[in-house]
Amino acid sequence: MSVSGWIAVIVERNRTFHTITSAAEALDMLFTNWPVVSGTAFVLALEACAGTISGAVTQEDAQSAFLAAALDAKVAFTIT
């Protein structure tokens, strides 16, 4: 089920599956459990997810940026 405009993204990190259903959850994942902490895709995802707080960025755009960061970092994910 979609929450706040997100389609659930199941991310695998350190042999654990995490369900990400909002920009806030994605931002937490990026800050606490991400394999890279640099690069354009990572920074754009941070900015996009944080931008949803002020309404400057849509949830859908934040999700796209998060998925681009996942692809860039080679983080396995599934969209449900």
N, C-alpha and C. Protein backbone atom coordinates (compact mmCIF):
# COMPACT_ATOMS: atom_id res chain seq x y z
N MET A 1 0.84 -1.19 0.00
CA MET A 1 0.00 0.00 0.00
C MET A 1 0.87 1.24 0.00
N SER A 2 0.49 2.23 -0.73
CA SER A 2 1.22 3.48 -0.83
C SER A 2 0.94 4.37 0.38
N VAL A 3 1.98 4.95 0.92
CA VAL A 3 1.85 5.90 2.02
C VAL A 3 2.48 7.20 1.55
N SER A 4 1.76 8.29 1.69
CA SER A 4 2.27 9.62 1.32
C SER A 4 2.74 9.67 -0.13
N GLY A 5 2.11 8.93 -1.02
CA GLY A 5 2.48 8.97 -2.42
C GLY A 5 3.57 8.01 -2.83
N TRP A 6 4.17 7.29 -1.88
CA TRP A 6 5.23 6.34 -2.20
C TRP A 6 4.66 4.98 -2.51
N ILE A 7 5.31 4.29 -3.41
CA ILE A 7 5.10 2.87 -3.60
C ILE A 7 6.12 2.21 -2.68
N ALA A 8 5.75 1.20 -1.96
CA ALA A 8 6.67 0.57 -1.01
C ALA A 8 7.91 0.07 -1.73
N VAL A 9 9.05 0.41 -1.18
CA VAL A 9 10.34 -0.03 -1.70
C VAL A 9 10.97 -0.92 -0.63
N ILE A 10 11.27 -2.14 -1.00
CA ILE A 10 11.92 -3.06 -0.08
C ILE A 10 13.41 -3.02 -0.37
N VAL A 11 14.19 -2.53 0.58
CA VAL A 11 15.63 -2.37 0.41
C VAL A 11 16.35 -3.42 1.23
N GLU A 12 17.32 -4.07 0.62
CA GLU A 12 18.12 -5.05 1.35
C GLU A 12 19.46 -4.42 1.71
N ARG A 13 19.72 -4.34 3.01
CA ARG A 13 21.00 -3.84 3.51
C ARG A 13 21.45 -4.75 4.63
N ASN A 14 22.67 -5.22 4.54
CA ASN A 14 23.27 -6.06 5.58
C ASN A 14 22.39 -7.27 5.91
N ARG A 15 21.88 -7.91 4.85
CA ARG A 15 21.06 -9.12 4.98
C ARG A 15 19.75 -8.89 5.72
N THR A 16 19.31 -7.65 5.78
CA THR A 16 18.05 -7.30 6.41
C THR A 16 17.21 -6.54 5.39
N PHE A 17 15.91 -6.81 5.39
CA PHE A 17 15.01 -6.11 4.48
C PHE A 17 14.33 -4.97 5.21
N HIS A 18 14.29 -3.81 4.59
CA HIS A 18 13.67 -2.61 5.16
C HIS A 18 12.59 -2.14 4.19
N THR A 19 11.41 -1.86 4.71
CA THR A 19 10.34 -1.33 3.89
C THR A 19 10.34 0.18 4.00
N ILE A 20 10.51 0.85 2.88
CA ILE A 20 10.56 2.31 2.83
C ILE A 20 9.27 2.77 2.17
N THR A 21 8.47 3.55 2.89
CA THR A 21 7.18 3.99 2.34
C THR A 21 7.00 5.51 2.37
N SER A 22 8.07 6.24 2.68
CA SER A 22 7.96 7.69 2.70
C SER A 22 9.36 8.30 2.56
N ALA A 23 9.38 9.57 2.24
CA ALA A 23 10.65 10.28 2.13
C ALA A 23 11.36 10.33 3.48
N ALA A 24 10.61 10.43 4.56
CA ALA A 24 11.21 10.46 5.90
C ALA A 24 11.94 9.15 6.18
N GLU A 25 11.32 8.02 5.83
CA GLU A 25 11.98 6.73 6.02
C GLU A 25 13.19 6.59 5.12
N ALA A 26 13.09 7.09 3.90
CA ALA A 26 14.23 7.04 2.98
C ALA A 26 15.38 7.89 3.50
N LEU A 27 15.05 9.06 4.02
CA LEU A 27 16.09 9.95 4.56
C LEU A 27 16.80 9.28 5.73
N ASP A 28 16.04 8.63 6.59
CA ASP A 28 16.64 7.91 7.71
C ASP A 28 17.58 6.81 7.21
N MET A 29 17.14 6.07 6.21
CA MET A 29 17.97 5.01 5.62
C MET A 29 19.25 5.59 5.04
N LEU A 30 19.14 6.71 4.34
CA LEU A 30 20.32 7.33 3.73
C LEU A 30 21.32 7.79 4.79
N PHE A 31 20.81 8.32 5.89
CA PHE A 31 21.69 8.81 6.96
C PHE A 31 22.30 7.69 7.80
N THR A 32 21.55 6.61 8.03
CA THR A 32 22.01 5.63 9.01
C THR A 32 22.50 4.31 8.44
N ASN A 33 22.11 3.97 7.21
CA ASN A 33 22.41 2.61 6.75
C ASN A 33 22.68 2.58 5.25
N TRP A 34 23.47 3.52 4.77
CA TRP A 34 23.74 3.58 3.33
C TRP A 34 25.20 3.27 3.08
N PRO A 35 25.51 2.53 2.03
CA PRO A 35 26.90 2.09 1.81
C PRO A 35 27.84 3.19 1.32
N VAL A 36 27.30 4.26 0.77
CA VAL A 36 28.14 5.38 0.32
C VAL A 36 27.60 6.67 0.91
N VAL A 37 28.49 7.58 1.18
CA VAL A 37 28.05 8.86 1.76
C VAL A 37 28.57 10.04 0.92
N SER A 38 28.67 9.78 -0.37
CA SER A 38 29.10 10.84 -1.28
C SER A 38 28.55 10.51 -2.66
N GLY A 39 28.77 11.42 -3.57
CA GLY A 39 28.32 11.21 -4.93
C GLY A 39 27.06 11.98 -5.23
N THR A 40 26.87 12.26 -6.50
CA THR A 40 25.75 13.08 -6.94
C THR A 40 24.41 12.45 -6.61
N ALA A 41 24.22 11.17 -6.90
CA ALA A 41 22.93 10.52 -6.65
C ALA A 41 22.58 10.53 -5.16
N PHE A 42 23.57 10.27 -4.32
CA PHE A 42 23.35 10.28 -2.87
C PHE A 42 22.93 11.66 -2.39
N VAL A 43 23.66 12.68 -2.80
CA VAL A 43 23.36 14.05 -2.38
C VAL A 43 21.98 14.49 -2.90
N LEU A 44 21.68 14.18 -4.15
CA LEU A 44 20.37 14.54 -4.70
C LEU A 44 19.24 13.84 -3.94
N ALA A 45 19.45 12.59 -3.55
CA ALA A 45 18.43 11.88 -2.78
C ALA A 45 18.24 12.51 -1.41
N LEU A 46 19.33 12.86 -0.75
CA LEU A 46 19.22 13.55 0.55
C LEU A 46 18.43 14.84 0.40
N GLU A 47 18.80 15.65 -0.60
CA GLU A 47 18.13 16.93 -0.81
C GLU A 47 16.66 16.75 -1.15
N ALA A 48 16.36 15.78 -2.01
CA ALA A 48 14.97 15.55 -2.40
C ALA A 48 14.13 15.08 -1.22
N CYS A 49 14.64 14.13 -0.48
CA CYS A 49 13.88 13.62 0.66
C CYS A 49 13.68 14.70 1.72
N ALA A 50 14.70 15.47 1.98
CA ALA A 50 14.58 16.56 2.94
C ALA A 50 13.64 17.66 2.42
N GLY A 51 13.62 17.86 1.11
CA GLY A 51 12.77 18.88 0.51
C GLY A 51 11.29 18.61 0.63
N THR A 52 10.92 17.37 0.93
CA THR A 52 9.50 17.07 1.10
C THR A 52 8.95 17.69 2.38
N ILE A 53 9.82 17.94 3.34
CA ILE A 53 9.40 18.52 4.61
C ILE A 53 8.80 19.90 4.39
N SER A 54 9.44 20.71 3.55
CA SER A 54 8.95 22.06 3.29
C SER A 54 7.94 22.10 2.16
N GLY A 55 7.77 20.98 1.47
CA GLY A 55 6.85 20.94 0.35
C GLY A 55 7.49 21.36 -0.96
N ALA A 56 8.79 21.58 -0.96
CA ALA A 56 9.49 21.99 -2.17
C ALA A 56 9.65 20.84 -3.15
N VAL A 57 9.59 19.62 -2.66
CA VAL A 57 9.77 18.42 -3.49
C VAL A 57 8.59 17.48 -3.22
N THR A 58 8.06 16.88 -4.27
CA THR A 58 6.97 15.92 -4.09
C THR A 58 7.51 14.59 -3.58
N GLN A 59 6.64 13.82 -2.96
CA GLN A 59 7.01 12.49 -2.50
C GLN A 59 7.47 11.63 -3.68
N GLU A 60 6.80 11.77 -4.81
CA GLU A 60 7.15 10.98 -5.99
C GLU A 60 8.54 11.32 -6.50
N ASP A 61 8.87 12.62 -6.52
CA ASP A 61 10.22 13.02 -6.96
C ASP A 61 11.28 12.54 -5.97
N ALA A 62 10.95 12.58 -4.69
CA ALA A 62 11.88 12.08 -3.68
C ALA A 62 12.11 10.58 -3.86
N GLN A 63 11.04 9.85 -4.16
CA GLN A 63 11.19 8.42 -4.38
C GLN A 63 12.07 8.15 -5.59
N SER A 64 11.89 8.89 -6.65
CA SER A 64 12.73 8.72 -7.84
C SER A 64 14.19 8.97 -7.52
N ALA A 65 14.46 10.00 -6.75
CA ALA A 65 15.84 10.32 -6.37
C ALA A 65 16.43 9.23 -5.48
N PHE A 66 15.61 8.70 -4.56
CA PHE A 66 16.06 7.62 -3.69
C PHE A 66 16.40 6.37 -4.50
N LEU A 67 15.55 6.03 -5.46
CA LEU A 67 15.81 4.85 -6.29
C LEU A 67 17.06 5.05 -7.15
N ALA A 68 17.29 6.26 -7.63
CA ALA A 68 18.51 6.54 -8.39
C ALA A 68 19.74 6.36 -7.50
N ALA A 69 19.64 6.79 -6.25
CA ALA A 69 20.75 6.61 -5.32
C ALA A 69 20.98 5.13 -5.03
N ALA A 70 19.90 4.37 -4.93
CA ALA A 70 20.03 2.93 -4.70
C ALA A 70 20.72 2.26 -5.88
N LEU A 71 20.31 2.61 -7.08
CA LEU A 71 20.97 2.05 -8.28
C LEU A 71 22.45 2.42 -8.30
N ASP A 72 22.74 3.67 -8.02
CA ASP A 72 24.12 4.15 -8.03
C ASP A 72 24.99 3.42 -7.00
N ALA A 73 24.41 3.16 -5.84
CA ALA A 73 25.16 2.50 -4.74
C ALA A 73 25.08 0.98 -4.82
N LYS A 74 24.37 0.48 -5.85
CA LYS A 74 24.20 -0.97 -6.00
C LYS A 74 23.50 -1.60 -4.80
N VAL A 75 22.51 -0.89 -4.27
CA VAL A 75 21.68 -1.40 -3.18
C VAL A 75 20.50 -2.12 -3.81
N ALA A 76 20.32 -3.37 -3.44
CA ALA A 76 19.22 -4.17 -3.99
C ALA A 76 17.89 -3.65 -3.46
N PHE A 77 16.89 -3.56 -4.35
CA PHE A 77 15.56 -3.15 -3.92
C PHE A 77 14.50 -3.79 -4.80
N THR A 78 13.31 -3.83 -4.27
CA THR A 78 12.12 -4.31 -4.99
C THR A 78 11.03 -3.28 -4.77
N ILE A 79 10.27 -2.99 -5.79
CA ILE A 79 9.14 -2.08 -5.67
C ILE A 79 7.88 -2.91 -5.64
N THR A 80 7.03 -2.67 -4.64
CA THR A 80 5.79 -3.43 -4.54
C THR A 80 4.59 -2.55 -4.78
